Amino acid sequence: MAQVSININGHNYRIAARDGDEARIEKLGADLAARANRLTKSLGVVSEAQTLAMVALMLADELADARAGVAPAVADANASAATATALDLAQLRGIVERLEAISRS
């Protein structure tokens, strides 16, 4: 079994990967790192665990929308980084609002 190293906000993670899946894991890791970097730039310093939890929530929200047939927030793969960051923040705010509504229920 192969090992892939991904770096998210300065923290290295060794990930086991099936032989032949290394490039895919590296690409997915780079996407996670980019999302975490945008959050850190927007929110300031937060703990490693909180950053990873927020990224996971954003991905879970996107997955839930995809399963429900909701179009992605960024339809154009060539959207600017500023637009992607703004959308990620809007998604994060939406997630926070949903979590707050659930906690009040």
PDB file of N, CA and C in Angstrom:
ATOM      1  N   MET A   1       0.857  -1.171   0.000  1.00  0.00           N
ATOM      2  CA  MET A   1       0.000   0.000   0.000  1.00  0.00           C
ATOM      3  C   MET A   1       0.901   1.232   0.000  1.00  0.00           C
ATOM      4  N   ALA A   2       0.540   2.207  -0.795  1.00  0.00           N
ATOM      5  CA  ALA A   2       1.320   3.434  -0.935  1.00  0.00           C
ATOM      6  C   ALA A   2       0.990   4.411   0.186  1.00  0.00           C
ATOM      7  N   GLN A   3       1.879   5.360   0.391  1.00  0.00           N
ATOM      8  CA  GLN A   3       1.679   6.442   1.363  1.00  0.00           C
ATOM      9  C   GLN A   3       1.763   7.771   0.615  1.00  0.00           C
ATOM     10  N   VAL A   4       0.844   8.669   0.936  1.00  0.00           N
ATOM     11  CA  VAL A   4       0.836  10.001   0.349  1.00  0.00           C
ATOM     12  C   VAL A   4       0.906  10.998   1.490  1.00  0.00           C
ATOM     13  N   SER A   5       1.695  12.044   1.317  1.00  0.00           N
ATOM     14  CA  SER A   5       1.782  13.101   2.320  1.00  0.00           C
ATOM     15  C   SER A   5       1.021  14.314   1.809  1.00  0.00           C
ATOM     16  N   ILE A   6       0.073  14.788   2.610  1.00  0.00           N
ATOM     17  CA  ILE A   6      -0.629  16.027   2.268  1.00  0.00           C
ATOM     18  C   ILE A   6      -0.371  17.039   3.374  1.00  0.00           C
ATOM     19  N   ASN A   7      -0.365  18.302   2.996  1.00  0.00           N
ATOM     20  CA  ASN A   7      -0.098  19.377   3.944  1.00  0.00           C
ATOM     21  C   ASN A   7      -1.298  20.304   3.969  1.00  0.00           C
ATOM     22  N   ILE A   8      -1.873  20.473   5.159  1.00  0.00           N
ATOM     23  CA  ILE A   8      -3.012  21.375   5.334  1.00  0.00           C
ATOM     24  C   ILE A   8      -2.646  22.351   6.439  1.00  0.00           C
ATOM     25  N   ASN A   9      -2.563  23.619   6.081  1.00  0.00           N
ATOM     26  CA  ASN A   9      -2.208  24.686   7.023  1.00  0.00           C
ATOM     27  C   ASN A   9      -0.951  24.386   7.829  1.00  0.00           C
ATOM     28  N   GLY A  10       0.058  23.891   7.143  1.00  0.00           N
ATOM     29  CA  GLY A  10       1.335  23.645   7.794  1.00  0.00           C
ATOM     30  C   GLY A  10       1.438  22.340   8.549  1.00  0.00           C
ATOM     31  N   HIS A  11       0.404  21.526   8.521  1.00  0.00           N
ATOM     32  CA  HIS A  11       0.412  20.229   9.202  1.00  0.00           C
ATOM     33  C   HIS A  11       0.472  19.125   8.150  1.00  0.00           C
ATOM     34  N   ASN A  12       1.445  18.235   8.277  1.00  0.00           N
ATOM     35  CA  ASN A  12       1.586  17.122   7.349  1.00  0.00           C
ATOM     36  C   ASN A  12       0.802  15.920   7.839  1.00  0.00           C
ATOM     37  N   TYR A  13       0.132  15.272   6.903  1.00  0.00           N
ATOM     38  CA  TYR A  13      -0.639  14.063   7.196  1.00  0.00           C
ATOM     39  C   TYR A  13      -0.197  12.969   6.232  1.00  0.00           C
ATOM     40  N   ARG A  14       0.154  11.814   6.766  1.00  0.00           N
ATOM     41  CA  ARG A  14       0.504  10.652   5.954  1.00  0.00           C
ATOM     42  C   ARG A  14      -0.780   9.855   5.753  1.00  0.00           C
ATOM     43  N   ILE A  15      -1.138   9.651   4.499  1.00  0.00           N
ATOM     44  CA  ILE A  15      -2.385   8.985   4.154  1.00  0.00           C
ATOM     45  C   ILE A  15      -2.070   7.717   3.373  1.00  0.00           C
ATOM     46  N   ALA A  16      -2.642   6.621   3.796  1.00  0.00           N
ATOM     47  CA  ALA A  16      -2.488   5.369   3.058  1.00  0.00           C
ATOM     48  C   ALA A  16      -3.359   5.422   1.811  1.00  0.00           C
ATOM     49  N   ALA A  17      -2.821   4.945   0.704  1.00  0.00           N
ATOM     50  CA  ALA A  17      -3.557   4.945  -0.554  1.00  0.00           C
ATOM     51  C   ALA A  17      -3.289   3.638  -1.290  1.00  0.00           C
ATOM     52  N   ARG A  18      -4.311   3.164  -1.985  1.00  0.00           N
ATOM     53  CA  ARG A  18      -4.090   1.985  -2.819  1.00  0.00           C
ATOM     54  C   ARG A  18      -3.110   2.351  -3.914  1.00  0.00           C
ATOM     55  N   ASP A  19      -2.314   1.383  -4.309  1.00  0.00           N
ATOM     56  CA  ASP A  19      -1.375   1.617  -5.403  1.00  0.00           C
ATOM     57  C   ASP A  19      -2.142   2.121  -6.618  1.00  0.00           C
ATOM     58  N   GLY A  20      -1.661   3.210  -7.200  1.00  0.00           N
ATOM     59  CA  GLY A  20      -2.313   3.827  -8.349  1.00  0.00           C
ATOM     60  C   GLY A  20      -3.228   4.979  -7.982  1.00  0.00           C
ATOM     61  N   ASP A  21      -3.597   5.116  -6.713  1.00  0.00           N
ATOM     62  CA  ASP A  21      -4.493   6.191  -6.270  1.00  0.00           C
ATOM     63  C   ASP A  21      -3.738   7.391  -5.710  1.00  0.00           C
ATOM     64  N   GLU A  22      -2.412   7.349  -5.735  1.00  0.00           N
ATOM     65  CA  GLU A  22      -1.620   8.412  -5.114  1.00  0.00           C
ATOM     66  C   GLU A  22      -1.940   9.789  -5.683  1.00  0.00           C
ATOM     67  N   ALA A  23      -2.007   9.903  -7.003  1.00  0.00           N
ATOM     68  CA  ALA A  23      -2.260  11.212  -7.630  1.00  0.00           C
ATOM     69  C   ALA A  23      -3.635  11.749  -7.245  1.00  0.00           C
ATOM     70  N   ARG A  24      -4.616  10.872  -7.186  1.00  0.00           N
ATOM     71  CA  ARG A  24      -5.974  11.308  -6.793  1.00  0.00           C
ATOM     72  C   ARG A  24      -5.985  11.808  -5.355  1.00  0.00           C
ATOM     73  N   ILE A  25      -5.321  11.082  -4.460  1.00  0.00           N
ATOM     74  CA  ILE A  25      -5.270  11.497  -3.049  1.00  0.00           C
ATOM     75  C   ILE A  25      -4.531  12.825  -2.924  1.00  0.00           C
ATOM     76  N   GLU A  26      -3.453  12.998  -3.671  1.00  0.00           N
ATOM     77  CA  GLU A  26      -2.719  14.263  -3.637  1.00  0.00           C
ATOM     78  C   GLU A  26      -3.593  15.419  -4.128  1.00  0.00           C
ATOM     79  N   LYS A  27      -4.364  15.183  -5.191  1.00  0.00           N
ATOM     80  CA  LYS A  27      -5.256  16.220  -5.725  1.00  0.00           C
ATOM     81  C   LYS A  27      -6.354  16.568  -4.715  1.00  0.00           C
ATOM     82  N   LEU A  28      -6.948  15.550  -4.106  1.00  0.00           N
ATOM     83  CA  LEU A  28      -7.979  15.798  -3.090  1.00  0.00           C
ATOM     84  C   LEU A  28      -7.387  16.540  -1.895  1.00  0.00           C
ATOM     85  N   GLY A  29      -6.184  16.156  -1.496  1.00  0.00           N
ATOM     86  CA  GLY A  29      -5.501  16.844  -0.400  1.00  0.00           C
ATOM     87  C   GLY A  29      -5.230  18.298  -0.727  1.00  0.00           C
ATOM     88  N   ALA A  30      -4.849  18.571  -1.977  1.00  0.00           N
ATOM     89  CA  ALA A  30      -4.603  19.951  -2.401  1.00  0.00           C
ATOM     90  C   ALA A  30      -5.893  20.771  -2.347  1.00  0.00           C
ATOM     91  N   ASP A  31      -7.021  20.153  -2.705  1.00  0.00           N
ATOM     92  CA  ASP A  31      -8.315  20.844  -2.626  1.00  0.00           C
ATOM     93  C   ASP A  31      -8.656  21.163  -1.177  1.00  0.00           C
ATOM     94  N   LEU A  32      -8.458  20.209  -0.282  1.00  0.00           N
ATOM     95  CA  LEU A  32      -8.704  20.456   1.141  1.00  0.00           C
ATOM     96  C   LEU A  32      -7.801  21.564   1.666  1.00  0.00           C
ATOM     97  N   ALA A  33      -6.534  21.528   1.273  1.00  0.00           N
ATOM     98  CA  ALA A  33      -5.584  22.546   1.718  1.00  0.00           C
ATOM     99  C   ALA A  33      -6.006  23.931   1.226  1.00  0.00           C
ATOM    100  N   ALA A  34      -6.469  24.027  -0.018  1.00  0.00           N
ATOM    101  CA  ALA A  34      -6.911  25.310  -0.555  1.00  0.00           C
ATOM    102  C   ALA A  34      -8.133  25.832   0.200  1.00  0.00           C
ATOM    103  N   ARG A  35      -9.072  24.955   0.497  1.00  0.00           N
ATOM    104  CA  ARG A  35     -10.262  25.365   1.249  1.00  0.00           C
ATOM    105  C   ARG A  35      -9.870  25.835   2.654  1.00  0.00           C
ATOM    106  N   ALA A  36      -9.001  25.079   3.304  1.00  0.00           N
ATOM    107  CA  ALA A  36      -8.553  25.458   4.646  1.00  0.00           C
ATOM    108  C   ALA A  36      -7.810  26.783   4.615  1.00  0.00           C
ATOM    109  N   ASN A  37      -6.999  26.997   3.587  1.00  0.00           N
ATOM    110  CA  ASN A  37      -6.256  28.253   3.448  1.00  0.00           C
ATOM    111  C   ASN A  37      -7.205  29.433   3.278  1.00  0.00           C
ATOM    112  N   ARG A  38      -8.240  29.272   2.460  1.00  0.00           N
ATOM    113  CA  ARG A  38      -9.218  30.358   2.280  1.00  0.00           C
ATOM    114  C   ARG A  38      -9.933  30.662   3.589  1.00  0.00           C
ATOM    115  N   LEU A  39     -10.292  29.634   4.339  1.00  0.00           N
ATOM    116  CA  LEU A  39     -10.954  29.854   5.633  1.00  0.00           C
ATOM    117  C   LEU A  39     -10.034  30.591   6.596  1.00  0.00           C
ATOM    118  N   THR A  40      -8.790  30.155   6.666  1.00  0.00           N
ATOM    119  CA  THR A  40      -7.830  30.774   7.578  1.00  0.00           C
ATOM    120  C   THR A  40      -7.612  32.237   7.219  1.00  0.00           C
ATOM    121  N   LYS A  41      -7.524  32.538   5.927  1.00  0.00           N
ATOM    122  CA  LYS A  41      -7.342  33.926   5.501  1.00  0.00           C
ATOM    123  C   LYS A  41      -8.562  34.771   5.844  1.00  0.00           C
ATOM    124  N   SER A  42      -9.733  34.166   5.767  1.00  0.00           N
ATOM    125  CA  SER A  42     -10.962  34.911   6.019  1.00  0.00           C
ATOM    126  C   SER A  42     -11.294  35.041   7.498  1.00  0.00           C
ATOM    127  N   LEU A  43     -11.029  33.991   8.269  1.00  0.00           N
ATOM    128  CA  LEU A  43     -11.451  33.961   9.667  1.00  0.00           C
ATOM    129  C   LEU A  43     -10.327  34.272  10.642  1.00  0.00           C
ATOM    130  N   GLY A  44      -9.091  34.265  10.166  1.00  0.00           N
ATOM    131  CA  GLY A  44      -7.968  34.448  11.065  1.00  0.00           C
ATOM    132  C   GLY A  44      -7.542  33.118  11.650  1.00  0.00           C
ATOM    133  N   VAL A  45      -6.754  33.182  12.669  1.00  0.00           N
ATOM    134  CA  VAL A  45      -6.203  31.969  13.270  1.00  0.00           C
ATOM    135  C   VAL A  45      -7.282  31.227  14.049  1.00  0.00           C
ATOM    136  N   VAL A  46      -7.481  29.980  13.685  1.00  0.00           N
ATOM    137  CA  VAL A  46      -8.366  29.082  14.424  1.00  0.00           C
ATOM    138  C   VAL A  46      -7.609  27.770  14.603  1.00  0.00           C
ATOM    139  N   SER A  47      -8.071  26.938  15.492  1.00  0.00           N
ATOM    140  CA  SER A  47      -7.366  25.688  15.764  1.00  0.00           C
ATOM    141  C   SER A  47      -7.405  24.776  14.543  1.00  0.00           C
ATOM    142  N   GLU A  48      -6.458  23.870  14.513  1.00  0.00           N
ATOM    143  CA  GLU A  48      -6.379  22.891  13.434  1.00  0.00           C
ATOM    144  C   GLU A  48      -7.666  22.080  13.356  1.00  0.00           C
ATOM    145  N   ALA A  49      -8.145  21.635  14.503  1.00  0.00           N
ATOM    146  CA  ALA A  49      -9.363  20.828  14.542  1.00  0.00           C
ATOM    147  C   ALA A  49     -10.563  21.623  14.041  1.00  0.00           C
ATOM    148  N   GLN A  50     -10.663  22.881  14.450  1.00  0.00           N
ATOM    149  CA  GLN A  50     -11.789  23.706  14.018  1.00  0.00           C
ATOM    150  C   GLN A  50     -11.729  23.951  12.514  1.00  0.00           C
ATOM    151  N   THR A  51     -10.545  24.210  11.988  1.00  0.00           N
ATOM    152  CA  THR A  51     -10.393  24.411  10.546  1.00  0.00           C
ATOM    153  C   THR A  51     -10.847  23.171   9.792  1.00  0.00           C
ATOM    154  N   LEU A  52     -10.361  22.005  10.209  1.00  0.00           N
ATOM    155  CA  LEU A  52     -10.738  20.773   9.527  1.00  0.00           C
ATOM    156  C   LEU A  52     -12.229  20.484   9.672  1.00  0.00           C
ATOM    157  N   ALA A  53     -12.804  20.796  10.835  1.00  0.00           N
ATOM    158  CA  ALA A  53     -14.243  20.600  11.023  1.00  0.00           C
ATOM    159  C   ALA A  53     -15.045  21.510  10.096  1.00  0.00           C
ATOM    160  N   MET A  54     -14.619  22.756   9.966  1.00  0.00           N
ATOM    161  CA  MET A  54     -15.336  23.687   9.081  1.00  0.00           C
ATOM    162  C   MET A  54     -15.231  23.251   7.625  1.00  0.00           C
ATOM    163  N   VAL A  55     -14.051  22.796   7.212  1.00  0.00           N
ATOM    164  CA  VAL A  55     -13.889  22.302   5.845  1.00  0.00           C
ATOM    165  C   VAL A  55     -14.787  21.079   5.635  1.00  0.00           C
ATOM    166  N   ALA A  56     -14.821  20.180   6.613  1.00  0.00           N
ATOM    167  CA  ALA A  56     -15.676  19.001   6.509  1.00  0.00           C
ATOM    168  C   ALA A  56     -17.148  19.398   6.411  1.00  0.00           C
ATOM    169  N   LEU A  57     -17.561  20.384   7.187  1.00  0.00           N
ATOM    170  CA  LEU A  57     -18.949  20.856   7.115  1.00  0.00           C
ATOM    171  C   LEU A  57     -19.271  21.462   5.754  1.00  0.00           C
ATOM    172  N   MET A  58     -18.339  22.225   5.213  1.00  0.00           N
ATOM    173  CA  MET A  58     -18.550  22.802   3.883  1.00  0.00           C
ATOM    174  C   MET A  58     -18.705  21.701   2.841  1.00  0.00           C
ATOM    175  N   LEU A  59     -17.858  20.682   2.910  1.00  0.00           N
ATOM    176  CA  LEU A  59     -17.946  19.574   1.967  1.00  0.00           C
ATOM    177  C   LEU A  59     -19.233  18.786   2.161  1.00  0.00           C
ATOM    178  N   ALA A  60     -19.636  18.564   3.409  1.00  0.00           N
ATOM    179  CA  ALA A  60     -20.885  17.856   3.685  1.00  0.00           C
ATOM    180  C   ALA A  60     -22.076  18.630   3.141  1.00  0.00           C
ATOM    181  N   ASP A  61     -22.020  19.954   3.259  1.00  0.00           N
ATOM    182  CA  ASP A  61     -23.088  20.803   2.736  1.00  0.00           C
ATOM    183  C   ASP A  61     -23.158  20.685   1.215  1.00  0.00           C
ATOM    184  N   GLU A  62     -22.006  20.721   0.552  1.00  0.00           N
ATOM    185  CA  GLU A  62     -21.973  20.566  -0.904  1.00  0.00           C
ATOM    186  C   GLU A  62     -22.497  19.191  -1.311  1.00  0.00           C
ATOM    187  N   LEU A  63     -22.121  18.149  -0.572  1.00  0.00           N
ATOM    188  CA  LEU A  63     -22.579  16.807  -0.875  1.00  0.00           C
ATOM    189  C   LEU A  63     -24.098  16.699  -0.700  1.00  0.00           C
ATOM    190  N   ALA A  64     -24.614  17.276   0.369  1.00  0.00           N
ATOM    191  CA  ALA A  64     -26.069  17.248   0.601  1.00  0.00           C
ATOM    192  C   ALA A  64     -26.806  17.962  -0.526  1.00  0.00           C
ATOM    193  N   ASP A  65     -26.274  19.116  -0.955  1.00  0.00           N
ATOM    194  CA  ASP A  65     -26.887  19.833  -2.077  1.00  0.00           C
ATOM    195  C   ASP A  65     -26.841  18.999  -3.350  1.00  0.00           C
ATOM    196  N   ALA A  66     -25.695  18.349  -3.602  1.00  0.00           N
ATOM    197  CA  ALA A  66     -25.560  17.514  -4.800  1.00  0.00           C
ATOM    198  C   ALA A  66     -26.553  16.357  -4.761  1.00  0.00           C
ATOM    199  N   ARG A  67     -26.699  15.731  -3.601  1.00  0.00           N
ATOM    200  CA  ARG A  67     -27.654  14.621  -3.476  1.00  0.00           C
ATOM    201  C   ARG A  67     -29.084  15.096  -3.671  1.00  0.00           C
ATOM    202  N   ALA A  68     -29.354  16.346  -3.294  1.00  0.00           N
ATOM    203  CA  ALA A  68     -30.699  16.913  -3.448  1.00  0.00           C
ATOM    204  C   ALA A  68     -30.917  17.494  -4.840  1.00  0.00           C
ATOM    205  N   GLY A  69     -29.883  17.467  -5.667  1.00  0.00           N
ATOM    206  CA  GLY A  69     -30.004  17.986  -7.026  1.00  0.00           C
ATOM    207  C   GLY A  69     -29.862  19.489  -7.136  1.00  0.00           C
ATOM    208  N   VAL A  70     -29.343  20.120  -6.097  1.00  0.00           N
ATOM    209  CA  VAL A  70     -29.139  21.568  -6.112  1.00  0.00           C
ATOM    210  C   VAL A  70     -27.854  21.863  -6.880  1.00  0.00           C
ATOM    211  N   ALA A  71     -27.918  22.822  -7.776  1.00  0.00           N
ATOM    212  CA  ALA A  71     -26.749  23.188  -8.583  1.00  0.00           C
ATOM    213  C   ALA A  71     -25.638  23.727  -7.696  1.00  0.00           C
ATOM    214  N   PRO A  72     -24.378  23.432  -8.041  1.00  0.00           N
ATOM    215  CA  PRO A  72     -23.263  23.962  -7.251  1.00  0.00           C
ATOM    216  C   PRO A  72     -23.248  25.487  -7.261  1.00  0.00           C
ATOM    217  N   ALA A  73     -22.715  26.059  -6.194  1.00  0.00           N
ATOM    218  CA  ALA A  73     -22.646  27.515  -6.092  1.00  0.00           C
ATOM    219  C   ALA A  73     -21.744  28.105  -7.156  1.00  0.00           C
ATOM    220  N   VAL A  74     -20.696  27.390  -7.541  1.00  0.00           N
ATOM    221  CA  VAL A  74     -19.767  27.865  -8.566  1.00  0.00           C
ATOM    222  C   VAL A  74     -19.889  26.935  -9.758  1.00  0.00           C
ATOM    223  N   ALA A  75     -20.624  27.380 -10.774  1.00  0.00           N
ATOM    224  CA  ALA A  75     -20.815  26.553 -11.953  1.00  0.00           C
ATOM    225  C   ALA A  75     -19.609  26.607 -12.872  1.00  0.00           C
ATOM    226  N   ASP A  76     -18.912  27.723 -12.887  1.00  0.00           N
ATOM    227  CA  ASP A  76     -17.770  27.916 -13.767  1.00  0.00           C
ATOM    228  C   ASP A  76     -16.498  27.479 -13.047  1.00  0.00           C
ATOM    229  N   ALA A  77     -15.848  26.450 -13.569  1.00  0.00           N
ATOM    230  CA  ALA A  77     -14.626  25.947 -12.942  1.00  0.00           C
ATOM    231  C   ALA A  77     -13.509  26.972 -12.982  1.00  0.00           C
ATOM    232  N   ASN A  78     -13.619  27.980 -13.822  1.00  0.00           N
ATOM    233  CA  ASN A  78     -12.586  29.003 -13.936  1.00  0.00           C
ATOM    234  C   ASN A  78     -12.915  30.248 -13.122  1.00  0.00           C
ATOM    235  N   ALA A  79     -13.808  30.128 -12.132  1.00  0.00           N
ATOM    236  CA  ALA A  79     -14.165  31.288 -11.305  1.00  0.00           C
ATOM    237  C   ALA A  79     -12.927  31.801 -10.592  1.00  0.00           C
ATOM    238  N   SER A  80     -12.902  33.092 -10.347  1.00  0.00           N
ATOM    239  CA  SER A  80     -11.736  33.685  -9.685  1.00  0.00           C
ATOM    240  C   SER A  80     -11.634  33.218  -8.249  1.00  0.00           C
ATOM    241  N   ALA A  81     -10.441  33.282  -7.689  1.00  0.00           N
ATOM    242  CA  ALA A  81     -10.231  32.882  -6.295  1.00  0.00           C
ATOM    243  C   ALA A  81     -11.048  33.754  -5.357  1.00  0.00           C
ATOM    244  N   ALA A  82     -11.179  35.028  -5.679  1.00  0.00           N
ATOM    245  CA  ALA A  82     -11.961  35.927  -4.823  1.00  0.00           C
ATOM    246  C   ALA A  82     -13.423  35.496  -4.789  1.00  0.00           C
ATOM    247  N   THR A  83     -13.969  35.125  -5.940  1.00  0.00           N
ATOM    248  CA  THR A  83     -15.353  34.674  -5.999  1.00  0.00           C
ATOM    249  C   THR A  83     -15.510  33.375  -5.223  1.00  0.00           C
ATOM    250  N   ALA A  84     -14.576  32.448  -5.402  1.00  0.00           N
ATOM    251  CA  ALA A  84     -14.647  31.175  -4.688  1.00  0.00           C
ATOM    252  C   ALA A  84     -14.576  31.397  -3.186  1.00  0.00           C
ATOM    253  N   THR A  85     -13.715  32.320  -2.743  1.00  0.00           N
ATOM    254  CA  THR A  85     -13.597  32.608  -1.321  1.00  0.00           C
ATOM    255  C   THR A  85     -14.902  33.182  -0.790  1.00  0.00           C
ATOM    256  N   ALA A  86     -15.489  34.115  -1.530  1.00  0.00           N
ATOM    257  CA  ALA A  86     -16.744  34.718  -1.091  1.00  0.00           C
ATOM    258  C   ALA A  86     -17.835  33.661  -1.009  1.00  0.00           C
ATOM    259  N   LEU A  87     -17.878  32.753  -1.977  1.00  0.00           N
ATOM    260  CA  LEU A  87     -18.890  31.709  -1.946  1.00  0.00           C
ATOM    261  C   LEU A  87     -18.641  30.751  -0.796  1.00  0.00           C
ATOM    262  N   ASP A  88     -17.391  30.414  -0.547  1.00  0.00           N
ATOM    263  CA  ASP A  88     -17.092  29.539   0.575  1.00  0.00           C
ATOM    264  C   ASP A  88     -17.546  30.178   1.884  1.00  0.00           C
ATOM    265  N   LEU A  89     -17.324  31.483   2.034  1.00  0.00           N
ATOM    266  CA  LEU A  89     -17.767  32.167   3.246  1.00  0.00           C
ATOM    267  C   LEU A  89     -19.286  32.188   3.331  1.00  0.00           C
ATOM    268  N   ALA A  90     -19.940  32.392   2.193  1.00  0.00           N
ATOM    269  CA  ALA A  90     -21.395  32.372   2.186  1.00  0.00           C
ATOM    270  C   ALA A  90     -21.897  30.980   2.555  1.00  0.00           C
ATOM    271  N   GLN A  91     -21.241  29.940   2.047  1.00  0.00           N
ATOM    272  CA  GLN A  91     -21.617  28.586   2.407  1.00  0.00           C
ATOM    273  C   GLN A  91     -21.409  28.350   3.889  1.00  0.00           C
ATOM    274  N   LEU A  92     -20.289  28.822   4.403  1.00  0.00           N
ATOM    275  CA  LEU A  92     -19.995  28.645   5.824  1.00  0.00           C
ATOM    276  C   LEU A  92     -21.034  29.354   6.677  1.00  0.00           C
ATOM    277  N   ARG A  93     -21.404  30.569   6.298  1.00  0.00           N
ATOM    278  CA  ARG A  93     -22.447  31.283   7.039  1.00  0.00           C
ATOM    279  C   ARG A  93     -23.759  30.499   7.011  1.00  0.00           C
ATOM    280  N   GLY A  94     -24.077  29.921   5.841  1.00  0.00           N
ATOM    281  CA  GLY A  94     -25.290  29.117   5.724  1.00  0.00           C
ATOM    282  C   GLY A  94     -25.258  27.905   6.632  1.00  0.00           C
ATOM    283  N   ILE A  95     -24.096  27.278   6.709  1.00  0.00           N
ATOM    284  CA  ILE A  95     -23.935  26.112   7.577  1.00  0.00           C
ATOM    285  C   ILE A  95     -24.113  26.515   9.034  1.00  0.00           C
ATOM    286  N   VAL A  96     -23.493  27.628   9.409  1.00  0.00           N
ATOM    287  CA  VAL A  96     -23.607  28.113  10.792  1.00  0.00           C
ATOM    288  C   VAL A  96     -25.069  28.404  11.116  1.00  0.00           C
ATOM    289  N   GLU A  97     -25.773  29.052  10.191  1.00  0.00           N
ATOM    290  CA  GLU A  97     -27.187  29.357  10.422  1.00  0.00           C
ATOM    291  C   GLU A  97     -28.001  28.077  10.585  1.00  0.00           C
ATOM    292  N   ARG A  98     -27.706  27.074   9.762  1.00  0.00           N
ATOM    293  CA  ARG A  98     -28.422  25.798   9.866  1.00  0.00           C
ATOM    294  C   ARG A  98     -28.147  25.120  11.199  1.00  0.00           C
ATOM    295  N   LEU A  99     -26.858  25.130  11.606  1.00  0.00           N
ATOM    296  CA  LEU A  99     -26.505  24.513  12.883  1.00  0.00           C
ATOM    297  C   LEU A  99     -27.168  25.247  14.061  1.00  0.00           C
ATOM    298  N   GLU A 100     -27.212  26.574  13.982  1.00  0.00           N
ATOM    299  CA  GLU A 100     -27.865  27.339  15.044  1.00  0.00           C
ATOM    300  C   GLU A 100     -29.352  27.028  15.092  1.00  0.00           C
ATOM    301  N   ALA A 101     -29.983  26.885  13.929  1.00  0.00           N
ATOM    302  CA  ALA A 101     -31.410  26.546  13.893  1.00  0.00           C
ATOM    303  C   ALA A 101     -31.652  25.172  14.481  1.00  0.00           C
ATOM    304  N   ILE A 102     -30.771  24.225  14.183  1.00  0.00           N
ATOM    305  CA  ILE A 102     -30.903  22.877  14.734  1.00  0.00           C
ATOM    306  C   ILE A 102     -30.741  22.901  16.247  1.00  0.00           C
ATOM    307  N   SER A 103     -29.756  23.692  16.720  1.00  0.00           N
ATOM    308  CA  SER A 103     -29.525  23.725  18.166  1.00  0.00           C
ATOM    309  C   SER A 103     -30.695  24.368  18.914  1.00  0.00           C
ATOM    310  N   ARG A 104     -31.438  25.243  18.251  1.00  0.00           N
ATOM    311  CA  ARG A 104     -32.602  25.859  18.899  1.00  0.00           C
ATOM    312  C   ARG A 104     -33.821  24.952  18.886  1.00  0.00           C
ATOM    313  N   SER A 105     -33.794  23.932  18.020  1.00  0.00           N
ATOM    314  CA  SER A 105     -34.957  23.030  17.902  1.00  0.00           C
ATOM    315  C   SER A 105     -35.119  22.139  19.098  1.00  0.00           C
TER     316      SER A 105
END
